[in-house]
Amino acid sequence: MYIGYLNYVIIICWVTGGLILLTDVKAYKNASLKTEQKVSKILGWVNISIGFGLMTADFIYSHFMW
């Protein structure tokens, strides 16, 4: 029996990326910190992209390589 935690990691990546985009970007925009706002946007989208990449890799592995 296989018990995997990858689904939890994917959800955590999506949630943290969304929270970064919703909270940090707005806070830095209100404080007029453009560099920090830009970095937060990049990190938020990277986090979401990692979640989608892991989901895609898991799908490919489970359906085509196993």
C-alpha atoms as a PDB file:
ATOM      1  CA  MET A   1       0.000   0.000   0.000  1.00  0.00           C
ATOM      2  CA  TYR A   2       1.322   3.437  -0.968  1.00  0.00           C
ATOM      3  CA  ILE A   3       0.717   6.368   1.348  1.00  0.00           C
ATOM      4  CA  GLY A   4       1.944   9.541  -0.280  1.00  0.00           C
ATOM      5  CA  TYR A   5       2.143  13.063   0.941  1.00  0.00           C
ATOM      6  CA  LEU A   6       2.655  14.677  -2.437  1.00  0.00           C
ATOM      7  CA  ASN A   7      -0.951  15.860  -2.646  1.00  0.00           C
ATOM      8  CA  TYR A   8      -0.488  17.784   0.594  1.00  0.00           C
ATOM      9  CA  VAL A   9       2.692  19.379  -0.716  1.00  0.00           C
ATOM     10  CA  ILE A  10       0.890  20.459  -3.890  1.00  0.00           C
ATOM     11  CA  ILE A  11      -1.962  22.039  -1.942  1.00  0.00           C
ATOM     12  CA  ILE A  12       0.471  23.778   0.413  1.00  0.00           C
ATOM     13  CA  CYS A  13       2.344  25.220  -2.574  1.00  0.00           C
ATOM     14  CA  TRP A  14      -0.883  26.545  -4.088  1.00  0.00           C
ATOM     15  CA  VAL A  15      -2.182  27.996  -0.837  1.00  0.00           C
ATOM     16  CA  THR A  16       1.066  29.675   0.159  1.00  0.00           C
ATOM     17  CA  GLY A  17       1.527  31.078  -3.332  1.00  0.00           C
ATOM     18  CA  GLY A  18      -1.995  32.462  -3.286  1.00  0.00           C
ATOM     19  CA  LEU A  19      -1.536  33.953   0.167  1.00  0.00           C
ATOM     20  CA  ILE A  20       1.700  35.620  -0.908  1.00  0.00           C
ATOM     21  CA  LEU A  21      -0.072  37.130  -3.900  1.00  0.00           C
ATOM     22  CA  LEU A  22      -3.089  38.232  -1.877  1.00  0.00           C
ATOM     23  CA  THR A  23      -1.406  39.632   1.218  1.00  0.00           C
ATOM     24  CA  ASP A  24       2.239  40.528   0.651  1.00  0.00           C
ATOM     25  CA  VAL A  25       1.826  42.115  -2.758  1.00  0.00           C
ATOM     26  CA  LYS A  26      -0.968  44.386  -1.493  1.00  0.00           C
ATOM     27  CA  ALA A  27       0.961  45.293   1.652  1.00  0.00           C
ATOM     28  CA  TYR A  28       4.057  46.220  -0.340  1.00  0.00           C
ATOM     29  CA  LYS A  29       1.954  48.169  -2.834  1.00  0.00           C
ATOM     30  CA  ASN A  30       0.367  50.200  -0.025  1.00  0.00           C
ATOM     31  CA  ALA A  31       3.820  50.852   1.470  1.00  0.00           C
ATOM     32  CA  SER A  32       5.205  51.892  -1.957  1.00  0.00           C
ATOM     33  CA  LEU A  33       7.924  49.237  -1.890  1.00  0.00           C
ATOM     34  CA  LYS A  34       8.190  48.385  -5.568  1.00  0.00           C
ATOM     35  CA  THR A  35      11.163  46.012  -5.403  1.00  0.00           C
ATOM     36  CA  GLU A  36       9.628  43.960  -2.603  1.00  0.00           C
ATOM     37  CA  GLN A  37       6.293  43.912  -4.426  1.00  0.00           C
ATOM     38  CA  LYS A  38       7.955  42.595  -7.574  1.00  0.00           C
ATOM     39  CA  VAL A  39       9.854  39.905  -5.664  1.00  0.00           C
ATOM     40  CA  SER A  40       6.649  38.844  -3.869  1.00  0.00           C
ATOM     41  CA  LYS A  41       4.825  38.499  -7.181  1.00  0.00           C
ATOM     42  CA  ILE A  42       7.627  36.378  -8.590  1.00  0.00           C
ATOM     43  CA  LEU A  43       7.812  34.148  -5.498  1.00  0.00           C
ATOM     44  CA  GLY A  44       4.041  33.725  -5.376  1.00  0.00           C
ATOM     45  CA  TRP A  45       3.826  32.647  -8.992  1.00  0.00           C
ATOM     46  CA  VAL A  46       6.881  30.407  -8.652  1.00  0.00           C
ATOM     47  CA  ASN A  47       5.233  28.694  -5.707  1.00  0.00           C
ATOM     48  CA  ILE A  48       2.020  28.136  -7.668  1.00  0.00           C
ATOM     49  CA  SER A  49       4.014  26.925 -10.670  1.00  0.00           C
ATOM     50  CA  ILE A  50       5.905  24.431  -8.503  1.00  0.00           C
ATOM     51  CA  GLY A  51       2.550  23.055  -7.341  1.00  0.00           C
ATOM     52  CA  PHE A  52       1.348  22.598 -10.912  1.00  0.00           C
ATOM     53  CA  GLY A  53       4.700  21.108 -11.934  1.00  0.00           C
ATOM     54  CA  LEU A  54       4.545  18.569  -9.133  1.00  0.00           C
ATOM     55  CA  MET A  55       0.971  17.701 -10.055  1.00  0.00           C
ATOM     56  CA  THR A  56       1.957  17.186 -13.695  1.00  0.00           C
ATOM     57  CA  ALA A  57       5.011  15.110 -12.774  1.00  0.00           C
ATOM     58  CA  ASP A  58       2.930  12.938 -10.446  1.00  0.00           C
ATOM     59  CA  PHE A  59       0.315  12.412 -13.166  1.00  0.00           C
ATOM     60  CA  ILE A  60       2.937  11.440 -15.741  1.00  0.00           C
ATOM     61  CA  TYR A  61       4.699   9.114 -13.313  1.00  0.00           C
ATOM     62  CA  SER A  62       1.552   7.381 -12.100  1.00  0.00           C
ATOM     63  CA  HIS A  63      -0.080   6.933 -15.520  1.00  0.00           C
ATOM     64  CA  PHE A  64       2.787   6.352 -17.912  1.00  0.00           C
ATOM     65  CA  MET A  65       5.813   5.144 -15.974  1.00  0.00           C
ATOM     66  CA  TRP A  66       4.351   2.890 -13.349  1.00  0.00           C
END
